[in-house]
């Protein structure tokens, strides 16, 4: 899906990278999004509430759908990076977010079956009130996991800052 000539990439400098466990090749000057799109990848993320499939909507910093996690080793994970803004580099490792177990088959999409029962703001009204303390113990953590962004690293930052 790439034009044979032109553009801002250097076709003499191929770069290998990994996205969601699969190996791909792009070029110097590509962003993660442009290299994936050139490789035929069109599914970049899932919607927050119903986990509906999302592709690229924009080519810059305003892109809302292609949020990825960049993994540079223990303590060096960067969640919530826009794939349209991540310059491709040799050995880059990236993962999609807000899906389980995979981007192509996301079990969270089953929430779409209950869409008629889940109007906007349902969680603000449904689980609150006297005697409804299950909100904080059960429902809030569950909804946060399903509608979340990326996860912050759980190990200490290995870098030193002056």
Protein backbone atom coordinates (compact mmCIF):
# COMPACT_ATOMS: atom_id res chain seq x y z
CA UNK A 1 0.00 0.00 0.00
CA UNK A 2 2.97 2.30 -0.50
CA UNK A 3 3.73 4.48 -3.51
CA UNK A 4 6.85 3.27 -5.35
CA UNK A 5 8.55 6.68 -5.31
CA UNK A 6 8.33 10.01 -3.54
CA UNK A 7 7.52 10.89 0.03
CA UNK A 8 9.77 11.64 2.96
CA UNK A 9 11.13 8.17 3.55
CA UNK A 10 14.58 6.86 2.69
CA UNK A 11 13.97 3.59 0.82
CA UNK A 12 17.69 2.76 1.09
CA UNK A 13 17.41 2.47 4.90
CA UNK A 14 14.95 -0.29 5.88
CA UNK A 15 14.12 -0.66 9.58
CA UNK A 16 12.76 -3.75 11.32
CA UNK A 17 10.19 -3.34 14.08
CA UNK A 18 7.59 -5.36 15.97
CA UNK A 19 3.91 -4.59 16.56
CA UNK A 20 1.69 -6.86 18.67
CA UNK A 21 4.20 -9.69 18.40
CA UNK A 22 4.54 -9.59 14.59
CA UNK A 23 7.63 -8.45 12.70
CA UNK A 24 7.39 -5.71 10.07
CA UNK A 25 9.74 -3.60 7.97
CA UNK A 26 9.49 0.12 7.34
CA UNK A 27 11.90 2.83 6.26
CA UNK A 28 13.84 5.68 7.80
CA UNK A 29 11.44 8.63 7.89
CA UNK A 30 8.34 6.50 8.53
CA UNK A 31 6.22 6.87 11.62
CA UNK A 32 4.95 3.71 13.28
CA UNK A 33 1.50 4.41 11.80
CA UNK A 34 2.75 4.99 8.24
CA UNK A 35 4.89 1.83 8.30
CA UNK A 36 2.00 -0.27 9.61
CA UNK A 37 -0.39 1.21 7.06
CA UNK A 38 2.12 0.49 4.27
CA UNK A 39 2.28 -3.11 5.52
CA UNK A 40 -1.50 -3.43 5.19
CA UNK A 41 -2.41 -3.00 8.86
CA UNK A 42 -5.67 -1.06 9.14
CA UNK A 43 -6.83 -1.98 12.66
CA UNK A 44 -4.99 0.22 15.17
CA UNK A 45 -7.17 0.28 18.26
CA UNK A 46 -10.53 -0.22 19.93
CA UNK A 47 -13.10 2.29 21.16
CA UNK A 48 -13.21 2.90 24.90
CA UNK A 49 -16.76 1.92 25.75
CA UNK A 50 -17.79 -0.84 23.35
CA UNK A 51 -14.35 -1.84 22.02
CA UNK A 52 -15.40 -1.30 18.42
CA UNK A 53 -12.58 -1.53 15.81
CA UNK A 54 -10.78 1.72 15.03
CA UNK A 55 -8.41 2.64 12.20
CA UNK A 56 -6.45 5.79 11.48
CA UNK A 57 -8.46 9.00 11.39
CA UNK A 58 -5.66 11.57 11.11
CA UNK A 59 -1.97 11.70 10.29
CA UNK A 60 -0.69 13.87 13.13
CA UNK A 61 -0.92 14.61 16.83
CA UNK A 62 -4.70 14.84 16.67
CA UNK A 63 -5.07 11.08 15.95
CA UNK A 64 -7.49 9.68 18.59
CA UNK A 65 -7.51 5.97 17.73
CA UNK A 66 -3.94 4.75 17.28
CA UNK A 67 -2.68 4.80 20.87
CA UNK A 68 0.14 2.33 21.42
CA UNK A 69 2.58 1.30 24.11
CA UNK A 70 6.27 1.58 23.23
CA UNK A 71 8.43 -0.96 25.07
CA UNK A 72 12.10 -0.10 25.50
CA UNK A 73 12.75 -2.62 28.28
CA UNK A 74 11.96 -2.96 32.00
CA UNK A 75 10.82 0.35 33.46
CA UNK A 76 10.93 1.97 30.05
CA UNK A 77 7.40 1.31 28.77
CA UNK A 78 5.65 4.38 27.37
CA UNK A 79 1.86 3.96 27.20
CA UNK A 80 -0.57 6.19 25.30
CA UNK A 81 1.78 7.18 22.48
CA UNK A 82 0.15 8.17 19.21
CA UNK A 83 1.41 5.86 16.46
CA UNK A 84 1.29 8.81 14.06
CA UNK A 85 3.88 10.63 16.18
CA UNK A 86 6.29 7.75 16.96
CA UNK A 87 9.29 7.88 14.59
CA UNK A 88 10.21 4.43 13.35
CA UNK A 89 13.55 3.15 14.63
CA UNK A 90 15.42 -0.13 14.29
CA UNK A 91 14.15 -2.73 16.76
CA UNK A 92 11.14 -0.70 17.91
CA UNK A 93 8.65 -2.78 19.92
CA UNK A 94 5.07 -1.50 20.11
CA UNK A 95 1.80 -2.95 21.35
CA UNK A 96 -1.80 -1.92 20.85
CA UNK A 97 -3.83 -0.94 23.93
CA UNK A 98 -7.35 -1.33 25.30
CA UNK A 99 -7.90 -4.89 24.06
CA UNK A 100 -7.90 -8.43 25.44
CA UNK A 101 -6.67 -10.92 24.43
CA UNK A 102 -5.71 -9.38 21.07
CA UNK A 103 -6.51 -6.42 18.86
CA UNK A 104 -8.10 -8.56 16.15
CA UNK A 105 -10.28 -10.51 18.62
CA UNK A 106 -11.18 -8.34 21.59
CA UNK A 107 -13.45 -9.95 24.18
CA UNK A 108 -14.41 -6.45 25.34
CA UNK A 109 -16.37 -6.08 22.09
CA UNK A 110 -19.02 -8.30 23.67
CA UNK A 111 -20.05 -5.19 25.63
CA UNK A 112 -21.58 -4.00 22.38
CA UNK A 113 -24.27 -6.65 22.77
CA UNK A 114 -25.45 -4.80 25.87
CA UNK A 115 -25.32 -1.36 24.19
CA UNK A 116 -29.08 -0.75 24.46
CA UNK A 117 -28.80 -1.28 28.23
CA UNK A 118 -25.76 0.97 28.65
CA UNK A 119 -26.71 4.58 27.81
CA UNK A 120 -24.18 7.38 28.14
CA UNK A 121 -23.32 7.96 31.79
CA UNK A 122 -25.02 4.77 33.01
CA UNK A 123 -22.22 4.15 35.50
CA UNK A 124 -22.84 7.48 37.22
CA UNK A 125 -26.40 6.51 38.16
CA UNK A 126 -26.70 2.75 38.19
CA UNK A 127 -24.30 1.76 40.95
CA UNK A 128 -24.60 4.75 43.30
CA UNK A 129 -26.89 5.31 46.25
CA UNK A 130 -27.52 4.02 49.77
CA UNK A 131 -26.38 0.45 50.26
CA UNK A 132 -24.61 0.32 46.92
CA UNK A 133 -21.02 0.12 48.10
CA UNK A 134 -20.26 -2.51 45.46
CA UNK A 135 -19.44 0.40 43.12
CA UNK A 136 -16.00 0.97 44.67
CA UNK A 137 -15.19 -2.70 45.25
CA UNK A 138 -16.42 -4.32 42.03
CA UNK A 139 -17.81 -2.10 39.31
CA UNK A 140 -15.45 0.88 39.24
CA UNK A 141 -12.27 -1.27 38.93
CA UNK A 142 -13.93 -3.43 36.26
CA UNK A 143 -15.14 -0.47 34.18
CA UNK A 144 -11.78 1.29 34.51
CA UNK A 145 -9.95 -1.78 33.17
CA UNK A 146 -12.33 -2.10 30.22
CA UNK A 147 -12.37 1.60 29.31
CA UNK A 148 -8.80 2.41 30.08
CA UNK A 149 -5.81 3.73 28.32
CA UNK A 150 -2.37 2.16 28.64
CA UNK A 151 -0.81 0.94 31.85
CA UNK A 152 2.09 2.68 33.52
CA UNK A 153 5.27 0.66 34.16
CA UNK A 154 5.18 -1.27 37.43
CA UNK A 155 8.93 -1.48 37.95
CA UNK A 156 11.13 1.42 39.08
CA UNK A 157 12.52 3.77 36.46
CA UNK A 158 16.09 2.56 35.78
CA UNK A 159 17.28 5.94 34.53
CA UNK A 160 18.97 8.61 36.66
CA UNK A 161 18.05 12.24 36.28
CA UNK A 162 20.27 15.16 37.26
